[in-house]
Amino acid sequence: MCDSDRFVDTYGENIVQAHVHSMGLHNRTLAHGREVMAMEGGCLCTLYPHYCRQRKWKHGMVILHHNKSLGACFPEQVPIMNGRFFYGGKLWEAKGVTT
């Protein structure tokens, strides 16, 4: 479970949370059948800043796909591991990046 799971459990709403530096996903089907989700997208900064200890920070991002006909957004979590991520059928890689 991600830290945002309390939002889903308390309010029964969807959330994509940024600026938490961690990655997580929590799904719930409510009593009346409505599906809700909380997602944390990671960060694109250093994992080892000088001003604090690393906790559970992970590199990653969330891409929101908007579908006009449904009037809805669908999030896609993209984890970045060792400077690499897979998106859109292609492997992307950062050169010379330190964590």
PDB file of N, CA and C in Angstrom:
ATOM      1  N   MET A   1       0.836  -1.190   0.000  1.00  0.00           N
ATOM      2  CA  MET A   1       0.000   0.000   0.000  1.00  0.00           C
ATOM      3  C   MET A   1       0.871   1.241   0.000  1.00  0.00           C
ATOM      4  N   CYS A   2       0.355   2.294  -0.600  1.00  0.00           N
ATOM      5  CA  CYS A   2       1.075   3.553  -0.611  1.00  0.00           C
ATOM      6  C   CYS A   2       0.551   4.460   0.497  1.00  0.00           C
ATOM      7  N   ASP A   3       1.280   5.534   0.752  1.00  0.00           N
ATOM      8  CA  ASP A   3       0.870   6.458   1.807  1.00  0.00           C
ATOM      9  C   ASP A   3      -0.470   7.120   1.498  1.00  0.00           C
ATOM     10  N   SER A   4      -0.835   7.212   0.234  1.00  0.00           N
ATOM     11  CA  SER A   4      -2.085   7.854  -0.157  1.00  0.00           C
ATOM     12  C   SER A   4      -3.304   6.969   0.061  1.00  0.00           C
ATOM     13  N   ASP A   5      -3.107   5.741   0.515  1.00  0.00           N
ATOM     14  CA  ASP A   5      -4.242   4.837   0.706  1.00  0.00           C
ATOM     15  C   ASP A   5      -5.239   5.375   1.718  1.00  0.00           C
ATOM     16  N   ARG A   6      -4.764   6.168   2.687  1.00  0.00           N
ATOM     17  CA  ARG A   6      -5.688   6.754   3.664  1.00  0.00           C
ATOM     18  C   ARG A   6      -6.682   7.693   2.983  1.00  0.00           C
ATOM     19  N   PHE A   7      -6.264   8.398   1.940  1.00  0.00           N
ATOM     20  CA  PHE A   7      -7.160   9.289   1.212  1.00  0.00           C
ATOM     21  C   PHE A   7      -8.282   8.485   0.559  1.00  0.00           C
ATOM     22  N   VAL A   8      -7.922   7.388  -0.099  1.00  0.00           N
ATOM     23  CA  VAL A   8      -8.918   6.529  -0.744  1.00  0.00           C
ATOM     24  C   VAL A   8      -9.869   5.949   0.299  1.00  0.00           C
ATOM     25  N   ASP A   9      -9.312   5.432   1.390  1.00  0.00           N
ATOM     26  CA  ASP A   9     -10.139   4.797   2.418  1.00  0.00           C
ATOM     27  C   ASP A   9     -11.036   5.807   3.136  1.00  0.00           C
ATOM     28  N   THR A  10     -10.532   7.016   3.355  1.00  0.00           N
ATOM     29  CA  THR A  10     -11.296   8.026   4.097  1.00  0.00           C
ATOM     30  C   THR A  10     -12.341   8.712   3.234  1.00  0.00           C
ATOM     31  N   TYR A  11     -11.965   9.115   2.010  1.00  0.00           N
ATOM     32  CA  TYR A  11     -12.852   9.936   1.180  1.00  0.00           C
ATOM     33  C   TYR A  11     -13.467   9.202  -0.003  1.00  0.00           C
ATOM     34  N   GLY A  12     -12.944   8.034  -0.357  1.00  0.00           N
ATOM     35  CA  GLY A  12     -13.496   7.281  -1.479  1.00  0.00           C
ATOM     36  C   GLY A  12     -13.315   7.985  -2.806  1.00  0.00           C
ATOM     37  N   GLU A  13     -12.186   8.670  -2.988  1.00  0.00           N
ATOM     38  CA  GLU A  13     -11.896   9.403  -4.222  1.00  0.00           C
ATOM     39  C   GLU A  13     -10.561   8.958  -4.803  1.00  0.00           C
ATOM     40  N   ASN A  14     -10.373   9.197  -6.086  1.00  0.00           N
ATOM     41  CA  ASN A  14      -9.117   8.906  -6.764  1.00  0.00           C
ATOM     42  C   ASN A  14      -8.109  10.012  -6.487  1.00  0.00           C
ATOM     43  N   ILE A  15      -6.831   9.639  -6.451  1.00  0.00           N
ATOM     44  CA  ILE A  15      -5.778  10.626  -6.254  1.00  0.00           C
ATOM     45  C   ILE A  15      -4.494  10.154  -6.940  1.00  0.00           C
ATOM     46  N   VAL A  16      -3.819  11.094  -7.584  1.00  0.00           N
ATOM     47  CA  VAL A  16      -2.446  10.906  -8.025  1.00  0.00           C
ATOM     48  C   VAL A  16      -1.652  11.937  -7.244  1.00  0.00           C
ATOM     49  N   GLN A  17      -0.771  11.464  -6.391  1.00  0.00           N
ATOM     50  CA  GLN A  17      -0.066  12.364  -5.492  1.00  0.00           C
ATOM     51  C   GLN A  17       1.375  12.554  -5.956  1.00  0.00           C
ATOM     52  N   ALA A  18       1.771  13.816  -6.016  1.00  0.00           N
ATOM     53  CA  ALA A  18       3.132  14.161  -6.418  1.00  0.00           C
ATOM     54  C   ALA A  18       3.901  14.697  -5.223  1.00  0.00           C
ATOM     55  N   HIS A  19       5.168  14.862  -5.415  1.00  0.00           N
ATOM     56  CA  HIS A  19       6.081  15.462  -4.435  1.00  0.00           C
ATOM     57  C   HIS A  19       6.150  14.661  -3.137  1.00  0.00           C
ATOM     58  N   VAL A  20       5.969  13.365  -3.215  1.00  0.00           N
ATOM     59  CA  VAL A  20       6.138  12.512  -2.041  1.00  0.00           C
ATOM     60  C   VAL A  20       7.398  11.654  -2.167  1.00  0.00           C
ATOM     61  N   HIS A  21       8.003  11.638  -3.334  1.00  0.00           N
ATOM     62  CA  HIS A  21       9.269  10.965  -3.611  1.00  0.00           C
ATOM     63  C   HIS A  21       9.221   9.442  -3.535  1.00  0.00           C
ATOM     64  N   SER A  22       8.088   8.874  -3.224  1.00  0.00           N
ATOM     65  CA  SER A  22       7.978   7.417  -3.172  1.00  0.00           C
ATOM     66  C   SER A  22       7.031   6.956  -4.276  1.00  0.00           C
ATOM     67  N   MET A  23       7.000   5.654  -4.510  1.00  0.00           N
ATOM     68  CA  MET A  23       6.082   5.099  -5.501  1.00  0.00           C
ATOM     69  C   MET A  23       5.163   4.120  -4.806  1.00  0.00           C
ATOM     70  N   GLY A  24       3.909   4.169  -5.166  1.00  0.00           N
ATOM     71  CA  GLY A  24       2.961   3.241  -4.588  1.00  0.00           C
ATOM     72  C   GLY A  24       1.645   3.275  -5.336  1.00  0.00           C
ATOM     73  N   LEU A  25       0.858   2.238  -5.151  1.00  0.00           N
ATOM     74  CA  LEU A  25      -0.446   2.127  -5.793  1.00  0.00           C
ATOM     75  C   LEU A  25      -1.377   1.392  -4.840  1.00  0.00           C
ATOM     76  N   HIS A  26      -2.570   1.932  -4.676  1.00  0.00           N
ATOM     77  CA  HIS A  26      -3.568   1.331  -3.795  1.00  0.00           C
ATOM     78  C   HIS A  26      -4.914   1.378  -4.505  1.00  0.00           C
ATOM     79  N   ASN A  27      -5.526   0.225  -4.710  1.00  0.00           N
ATOM     80  CA  ASN A  27      -6.840   0.123  -5.355  1.00  0.00           C
ATOM     81  C   ASN A  27      -7.872  -0.347  -4.348  1.00  0.00           C
ATOM     82  N   ARG A  28      -9.090   0.121  -4.524  1.00  0.00           N
ATOM     83  CA  ARG A  28     -10.174  -0.302  -3.642  1.00  0.00           C
ATOM     84  C   ARG A  28     -11.471  -0.291  -4.448  1.00  0.00           C
ATOM     85  N   THR A  29     -12.296  -1.305  -4.270  1.00  0.00           N
ATOM     86  CA  THR A  29     -13.651  -1.305  -4.813  1.00  0.00           C
ATOM     87  C   THR A  29     -14.582  -1.010  -3.652  1.00  0.00           C
ATOM     88  N   LEU A  30     -15.323   0.081  -3.785  1.00  0.00           N
ATOM     89  CA  LEU A  30     -16.224   0.496  -2.718  1.00  0.00           C
ATOM     90  C   LEU A  30     -17.457  -0.400  -2.679  1.00  0.00           C
ATOM     91  N   ALA A  31     -18.231  -0.301  -1.606  1.00  0.00           N
ATOM     92  CA  ALA A  31     -19.380  -1.185  -1.388  1.00  0.00           C
ATOM     93  C   ALA A  31     -20.369  -1.160  -2.554  1.00  0.00           C
ATOM     94  N   HIS A  32     -20.558   0.001  -3.192  1.00  0.00           N
ATOM     95  CA  HIS A  32     -21.523   0.092  -4.291  1.00  0.00           C
ATOM     96  C   HIS A  32     -20.888  -0.205  -5.653  1.00  0.00           C
ATOM     97  N   GLY A  33     -19.644  -0.736  -5.673  1.00  0.00           N
ATOM     98  CA  GLY A  33     -19.010  -1.188  -6.906  1.00  0.00           C
ATOM     99  C   GLY A  33     -18.116  -0.176  -7.594  1.00  0.00           C
ATOM    100  N   ARG A  34     -18.043   1.051  -7.112  1.00  0.00           N
ATOM    101  CA  ARG A  34     -17.180   2.072  -7.724  1.00  0.00           C
ATOM    102  C   ARG A  34     -15.721   1.774  -7.385  1.00  0.00           C
ATOM    103  N   GLU A  35     -14.869   1.806  -8.408  1.00  0.00           N
ATOM    104  CA  GLU A  35     -13.449   1.558  -8.208  1.00  0.00           C
ATOM    105  C   GLU A  35     -12.724   2.883  -8.008  1.00  0.00           C
ATOM    106  N   VAL A  36     -11.868   2.947  -6.985  1.00  0.00           N
ATOM    107  CA  VAL A  36     -11.059   4.133  -6.725  1.00  0.00           C
ATOM    108  C   VAL A  36      -9.606   3.693  -6.551  1.00  0.00           C
ATOM    109  N   MET A  37      -8.688   4.671  -6.726  1.00  0.00           N
ATOM    110  CA  MET A  37      -7.278   4.354  -6.737  1.00  0.00           C
ATOM    111  C   MET A  37      -6.469   5.533  -6.219  1.00  0.00           C
ATOM    112  N   ALA A  38      -5.380   5.235  -5.529  1.00  0.00           N
ATOM    113  CA  ALA A  38      -4.399   6.236  -5.126  1.00  0.00           C
ATOM    114  C   ALA A  38      -3.053   5.827  -5.701  1.00  0.00           C
ATOM    115  N   MET A  39      -2.328   6.785  -6.266  1.00  0.00           N
ATOM    116  CA  MET A  39      -1.047   6.499  -6.886  1.00  0.00           C
ATOM    117  C   MET A  39      -0.039   7.567  -6.492  1.00  0.00           C
ATOM    118  N   GLU A  40       1.174   7.129  -6.167  1.00  0.00           N
ATOM    119  CA  GLU A  40       2.298   8.026  -5.919  1.00  0.00           C
ATOM    120  C   GLU A  40       3.310   7.800  -7.022  1.00  0.00           C
ATOM    121  N   GLY A  41       3.844   8.895  -7.553  1.00  0.00           N
ATOM    122  CA  GLY A  41       4.628   8.806  -8.774  1.00  0.00           C
ATOM    123  C   GLY A  41       6.127   8.822  -8.673  1.00  0.00           C
ATOM    124  N   GLY A  42       6.696   8.859  -7.487  1.00  0.00           N
ATOM    125  CA  GLY A  42       8.152   8.879  -7.393  1.00  0.00           C
ATOM    126  C   GLY A  42       8.708  10.282  -7.577  1.00  0.00           C
ATOM    127  N   CYS A  43       9.998  10.355  -7.867  1.00  0.00           N
ATOM    128  CA  CYS A  43      10.654  11.654  -8.031  1.00  0.00           C
ATOM    129  C   CYS A  43      11.678  11.579  -9.154  1.00  0.00           C
ATOM    130  N   LEU A  44      12.156  12.753  -9.568  1.00  0.00           N
ATOM    131  CA  LEU A  44      13.179  12.844 -10.605  1.00  0.00           C
ATOM    132  C   LEU A  44      14.439  13.520 -10.061  1.00  0.00           C
ATOM    133  N   CYS A  45      14.517  13.669  -8.755  1.00  0.00           N
ATOM    134  CA  CYS A  45      15.660  14.328  -8.117  1.00  0.00           C
ATOM    135  C   CYS A  45      16.634  13.290  -7.569  1.00  0.00           C
ATOM    136  N   THR A  46      17.683  13.759  -6.939  1.00  0.00           N
ATOM    137  CA  THR A  46      18.622  12.840  -6.306  1.00  0.00           C
ATOM    138  C   THR A  46      17.931  12.071  -5.182  1.00  0.00           C
ATOM    139  N   LEU A  47      18.323  10.831  -5.028  1.00  0.00           N
ATOM    140  CA  LEU A  47      17.761  10.004  -3.964  1.00  0.00           C
ATOM    141  C   LEU A  47      18.495  10.192  -2.642  1.00  0.00           C
ATOM    142  N   TYR A  48      19.617  10.875  -2.688  1.00  0.00           N
ATOM    143  CA  TYR A  48      20.457  11.038  -1.502  1.00  0.00           C
ATOM    144  C   TYR A  48      20.802  12.510  -1.273  1.00  0.00           C
ATOM    145  N   PRO A  49      19.811  13.345  -0.960  1.00  0.00           N
ATOM    146  CA  PRO A  49      20.104  14.761  -0.716  1.00  0.00           C
ATOM    147  C   PRO A  49      20.908  14.946   0.574  1.00  0.00           C
ATOM    148  N   HIS A  50      21.692  16.008   0.629  1.00  0.00           N
ATOM    149  CA  HIS A  50      22.539  16.249   1.797  1.00  0.00           C
ATOM    150  C   HIS A  50      21.747  16.643   3.046  1.00  0.00           C
ATOM    151  N   TYR A  51      20.498  17.077   2.860  1.00  0.00           N
ATOM    152  CA  TYR A  51      19.733  17.638   3.980  1.00  0.00           C
ATOM    153  C   TYR A  51      18.864  16.632   4.730  1.00  0.00           C
ATOM    154  N   CYS A  52      18.819  15.375   4.290  1.00  0.00           N
ATOM    155  CA  CYS A  52      18.025  14.385   5.035  1.00  0.00           C
ATOM    156  C   CYS A  52      18.489  12.973   4.687  1.00  0.00           C
ATOM    157  N   ARG A  53      18.082  12.048   5.517  1.00  0.00           N
ATOM    158  CA  ARG A  53      18.361  10.647   5.252  1.00  0.00           C
ATOM    159  C   ARG A  53      17.390  10.127   4.200  1.00  0.00           C
ATOM    160  N   GLN A  54      17.848   9.209   3.382  1.00  0.00           N
ATOM    161  CA  GLN A  54      16.950   8.598   2.409  1.00  0.00           C
ATOM    162  C   GLN A  54      15.973   7.707   3.160  1.00  0.00           C
ATOM    163  N   ARG A  55      14.753   7.788   2.763  1.00  0.00           N
ATOM    164  CA  ARG A  55      13.738   6.918   3.348  1.00  0.00           C
ATOM    165  C   ARG A  55      13.344   5.865   2.321  1.00  0.00           C
ATOM    166  N   LYS A  56      12.236   6.060   1.662  1.00  0.00           N
ATOM    167  CA  LYS A  56      11.817   5.091   0.641  1.00  0.00           C
ATOM    168  C   LYS A  56      11.673   5.773  -0.717  1.00  0.00           C
ATOM    169  N   TRP A  57      12.534   6.741  -0.974  1.00  0.00           N
ATOM    170  CA  TRP A  57      12.468   7.468  -2.237  1.00  0.00           C
ATOM    171  C   TRP A  57      12.801   6.548  -3.407  1.00  0.00           C
ATOM    172  N   LYS A  58      12.077   6.748  -4.503  1.00  0.00           N
ATOM    173  CA  LYS A  58      12.289   5.975  -5.727  1.00  0.00           C
ATOM    174  C   LYS A  58      12.143   6.909  -6.931  1.00  0.00           C
ATOM    175  N   HIS A  59      12.966   6.681  -7.934  1.00  0.00           N
ATOM    176  CA  HIS A  59      12.823   7.439  -9.176  1.00  0.00           C
ATOM    177  C   HIS A  59      11.616   6.904  -9.952  1.00  0.00           C
ATOM    178  N   GLY A  60      10.831   7.823 -10.485  1.00  0.00           N
ATOM    179  CA  GLY A  60       9.686   7.427 -11.277  1.00  0.00           C
ATOM    180  C   GLY A  60       8.833   8.624 -11.640  1.00  0.00           C
ATOM    181  N   MET A  61       7.787   8.367 -12.419  1.00  0.00           N
ATOM    182  CA  MET A  61       6.858   9.415 -12.833  1.00  0.00           C
ATOM    183  C   MET A  61       5.511   8.778 -13.158  1.00  0.00           C
ATOM    184  N   VAL A  62       4.512   9.629 -13.300  1.00  0.00           N
ATOM    185  CA  VAL A  62       3.179   9.193 -13.698  1.00  0.00           C
ATOM    186  C   VAL A  62       2.796   9.936 -14.964  1.00  0.00           C
ATOM    187  N   ILE A  63       2.355   9.200 -15.958  1.00  0.00           N
ATOM    188  CA  ILE A  63       1.844   9.773 -17.207  1.00  0.00           C
ATOM    189  C   ILE A  63       0.328   9.667 -17.148  1.00  0.00           C
ATOM    190  N   LEU A  64      -0.364  10.795 -17.352  1.00  0.00           N
ATOM    191  CA  LEU A  64      -1.831  10.781 -17.378  1.00  0.00           C
ATOM    192  C   LEU A  64      -2.312  10.758 -18.824  1.00  0.00           C
ATOM    193  N   HIS A  65      -3.108   9.767 -19.160  1.00  0.00           N
ATOM    194  CA  HIS A  65      -3.695   9.636 -20.493  1.00  0.00           C
ATOM    195  C   HIS A  65      -5.154  10.078 -20.399  1.00  0.00           C
ATOM    196  N   HIS A  66      -5.490  11.149 -21.112  1.00  0.00           N
ATOM    197  CA  HIS A  66      -6.859  11.670 -21.066  1.00  0.00           C
ATOM    198  C   HIS A  66      -7.665  11.106 -22.230  1.00  0.00           C
ATOM    199  N   ASN A  67      -8.827  10.561 -21.930  1.00  0.00           N
ATOM    200  CA  ASN A  67      -9.733  10.039 -22.950  1.00  0.00           C
ATOM    201  C   ASN A  67     -10.943  10.962 -23.001  1.00  0.00           C
ATOM    202  N   LYS A  68     -11.028  11.769 -24.081  1.00  0.00           N
ATOM    203  CA  LYS A  68     -12.117  12.755 -24.196  1.00  0.00           C
ATOM    204  C   LYS A  68     -13.491  12.099 -24.258  1.00  0.00           C
ATOM    205  N   SER A  69     -13.600  10.994 -24.993  1.00  0.00           N
ATOM    206  CA  SER A  69     -14.922  10.377 -25.157  1.00  0.00           C
ATOM    207  C   SER A  69     -15.461   9.829 -23.832  1.00  0.00           C
ATOM    208  N   LEU A  70     -14.586   9.378 -22.963  1.00  0.00           N
ATOM    209  CA  LEU A  70     -15.024   8.885 -21.656  1.00  0.00           C
ATOM    210  C   LEU A  70     -15.007   9.982 -20.596  1.00  0.00           C
ATOM    211  N   GLY A  71     -14.346  11.082 -20.905  1.00  0.00           N
ATOM    212  CA  GLY A  71     -14.224  12.156 -19.922  1.00  0.00           C
ATOM    213  C   GLY A  71     -13.444  11.714 -18.704  1.00  0.00           C
ATOM    214  N   ALA A  72     -12.382  10.940 -18.938  1.00  0.00           N
ATOM    215  CA  ALA A  72     -11.619  10.383 -17.823  1.00  0.00           C
ATOM    216  C   ALA A  72     -10.130  10.386 -18.131  1.00  0.00           C
ATOM    217  N   CYS A  73      -9.344  10.399 -17.074  1.00  0.00           N
ATOM    218  CA  CYS A  73      -7.898  10.254 -17.174  1.00  0.00           C
ATOM    219  C   CYS A  73      -7.506   8.883 -16.638  1.00  0.00           C
ATOM    220  N   PHE A  74      -6.542   8.285 -17.288  1.00  0.00           N
ATOM    221  CA  PHE A  74      -6.030   7.003 -16.861  1.00  0.00           C
ATOM    222  C   PHE A  74      -4.538   7.159 -16.580  1.00  0.00           C
ATOM    223  N   PRO A  75      -4.121   6.947 -15.331  1.00  0.00           N
ATOM    224  CA  PRO A  75      -2.706   7.122 -14.987  1.00  0.00           C
ATOM    225  C   PRO A  75      -1.876   5.887 -15.314  1.00  0.00           C
ATOM    226  N   GLU A  76      -0.642   6.138 -15.687  1.00  0.00           N
ATOM    227  CA  GLU A  76       0.311   5.054 -15.943  1.00  0.00           C
ATOM    228  C   GLU A  76       1.567   5.332 -15.130  1.00  0.00           C
ATOM    229  N   GLN A  77       1.904   4.440 -14.242  1.00  0.00           N
ATOM    230  CA  GLN A  77       3.086   4.588 -13.413  1.00  0.00           C
ATOM    231  C   GLN A  77       4.310   4.116 -14.202  1.00  0.00           C
ATOM    232  N   VAL A  78       5.370   4.924 -14.182  1.00  0.00           N
ATOM    233  CA  VAL A  78       6.597   4.590 -14.912  1.00  0.00           C
ATOM    234  C   VAL A  78       7.769   4.588 -13.926  1.00  0.00           C
ATOM    235  N   PRO A  79       8.160   3.428 -13.436  1.00  0.00           N
ATOM    236  CA  PRO A  79       9.316   3.376 -12.543  1.00  0.00           C
ATOM    237  C   PRO A  79      10.608   3.560 -13.330  1.00  0.00           C
ATOM    238  N   ILE A  80      11.565   4.252 -12.726  1.00  0.00           N
ATOM    239  CA  ILE A  80      12.882   4.448 -13.323  1.00  0.00           C
ATOM    240  C   ILE A  80      13.874   3.684 -12.462  1.00  0.00           C
ATOM    241  N   MET A  81      14.588   2.749 -13.081  1.00  0.00           N
ATOM    242  CA  MET A  81      15.521   1.910 -12.335  1.00  0.00           C
ATOM    243  C   MET A  81      16.903   2.009 -12.969  1.00  0.00           C
ATOM    244  N   ASN A  82      17.876   2.437 -12.162  1.00  0.00           N
ATOM    245  CA  ASN A  82      19.254   2.600 -12.637  1.00  0.00           C
ATOM    246  C   ASN A  82      19.335   3.502 -13.864  1.00  0.00           C
ATOM    247  N   GLY A  83      18.532   4.569 -13.867  1.00  0.00           N
ATOM    248  CA  GLY A  83      18.555   5.532 -14.966  1.00  0.00           C
ATOM    249  C   GLY A  83      17.839   5.078 -16.222  1.00  0.00           C
ATOM    250  N   ARG A  84      17.079   3.986 -16.139  1.00  0.00           N
ATOM    251  CA  ARG A  84      16.378   3.452 -17.319  1.00  0.00           C
ATOM    252  C   ARG A  84      14.897   3.274 -17.022  1.00  0.00           C
ATOM    253  N   PHE A  85      14.089   3.514 -18.058  1.00  0.00           N
ATOM    254  CA  PHE A  85      12.665   3.215 -17.954  1.00  0.00           C
ATOM    255  C   PHE A  85      12.133   2.823 -19.315  1.00  0.00           C
ATOM    256  N   PHE A  86      11.044   2.079 -19.296  1.00  0.00           N
ATOM    257  CA  PHE A  86      10.401   1.601 -20.512  1.00  0.00           C
ATOM    258  C   PHE A  86       9.084   2.341 -20.668  1.00  0.00           C
ATOM    259  N   TYR A  87       8.914   3.023 -21.799  1.00  0.00           N
ATOM    260  CA  TYR A  87       7.671   3.752 -22.049  1.00  0.00           C
ATOM    261  C   TYR A  87       7.417   3.831 -23.550  1.00  0.00           C
ATOM    262  N   GLY A  88       6.165   3.637 -23.944  1.00  0.00           N
ATOM    263  CA  GLY A  88       5.789   3.747 -25.345  1.00  0.00           C
ATOM    264  C   GLY A  88       6.490   2.748 -26.242  1.00  0.00           C
ATOM    265  N   GLY A  89       6.768   1.575 -25.714  1.00  0.00           N
ATOM    266  CA  GLY A  89       7.424   0.539 -26.509  1.00  0.00           C
ATOM    267  C   GLY A  89       8.911   0.760 -26.703  1.00  0.00           C
ATOM    268  N   LYS A  90       9.502   1.686 -25.943  1.00  0.00           N
ATOM    269  CA  LYS A  90      10.910   2.018 -26.125  1.00  0.00           C
ATOM    270  C   LYS A  90      11.610   2.088 -24.769  1.00  0.00           C
ATOM    271  N   LEU A  91      12.856   1.614 -24.723  1.00  0.00           N
ATOM    272  CA  LEU A  91      13.688   1.735 -23.542  1.00  0.00           C
ATOM    273  C   LEU A  91      14.390   3.086 -23.579  1.00  0.00           C
ATOM    274  N   TRP A  92      14.218   3.878 -22.530  1.00  0.00           N
ATOM    275  CA  TRP A  92      14.856   5.181 -22.402  1.00  0.00           C
ATOM    276  C   TRP A  92      15.959   5.062 -21.362  1.00  0.00           C
ATOM    277  N   GLU A  93      17.054   5.791 -21.590  1.00  0.00           N
ATOM    278  CA  GLU A  93      18.188   5.693 -20.675  1.00  0.00           C
ATOM    279  C   GLU A  93      18.850   7.041 -20.514  1.00  0.00           C
ATOM    280  N   ALA A  94      19.152   7.397 -19.271  1.00  0.00           N
ATOM    281  CA  ALA A  94      19.876   8.634 -18.974  1.00  0.00           C
ATOM    282  C   ALA A  94      21.372   8.304 -18.938  1.00  0.00           C
ATOM    283  N   LYS A  95      22.166   9.107 -19.607  1.00  0.00           N
ATOM    284  CA  LYS A  95      23.619   8.915 -19.621  1.00  0.00           C
ATOM    285  C   LYS A  95      24.262   9.800 -18.573  1.00  0.00           C
ATOM    286  N   GLY A  96      25.146   9.245 -17.774  1.00  0.00           N
ATOM    287  CA  GLY A  96      25.926  10.021 -16.825  1.00  0.00           C
ATOM    288  C   GLY A  96      25.143  10.621 -15.683  1.00  0.00           C
ATOM    289  N   VAL A  97      24.044  10.000 -15.307  1.00  0.00           N
ATOM    290  CA  VAL A  97      23.212  10.517 -14.221  1.00  0.00           C
ATOM    291  C   VAL A  97      23.593   9.800 -12.934  1.00  0.00           C
ATOM    292  N   THR A  98      23.741  10.569 -11.865  1.00  0.00           N
ATOM    293  CA  THR A  98      23.995   9.959 -10.564  1.00  0.00           C
ATOM    294  C   THR A  98      22.741  10.085  -9.718  1.00  0.00           C
ATOM    295  N   THR A  99      22.540   9.132  -8.845  1.00  0.00           N
ATOM    296  CA  THR A  99      21.356   9.163  -7.990  1.00  0.00           C
ATOM    297  C   THR A  99      21.678   9.885  -6.728  1.00  0.00           C
TER     298      THR A  99
END
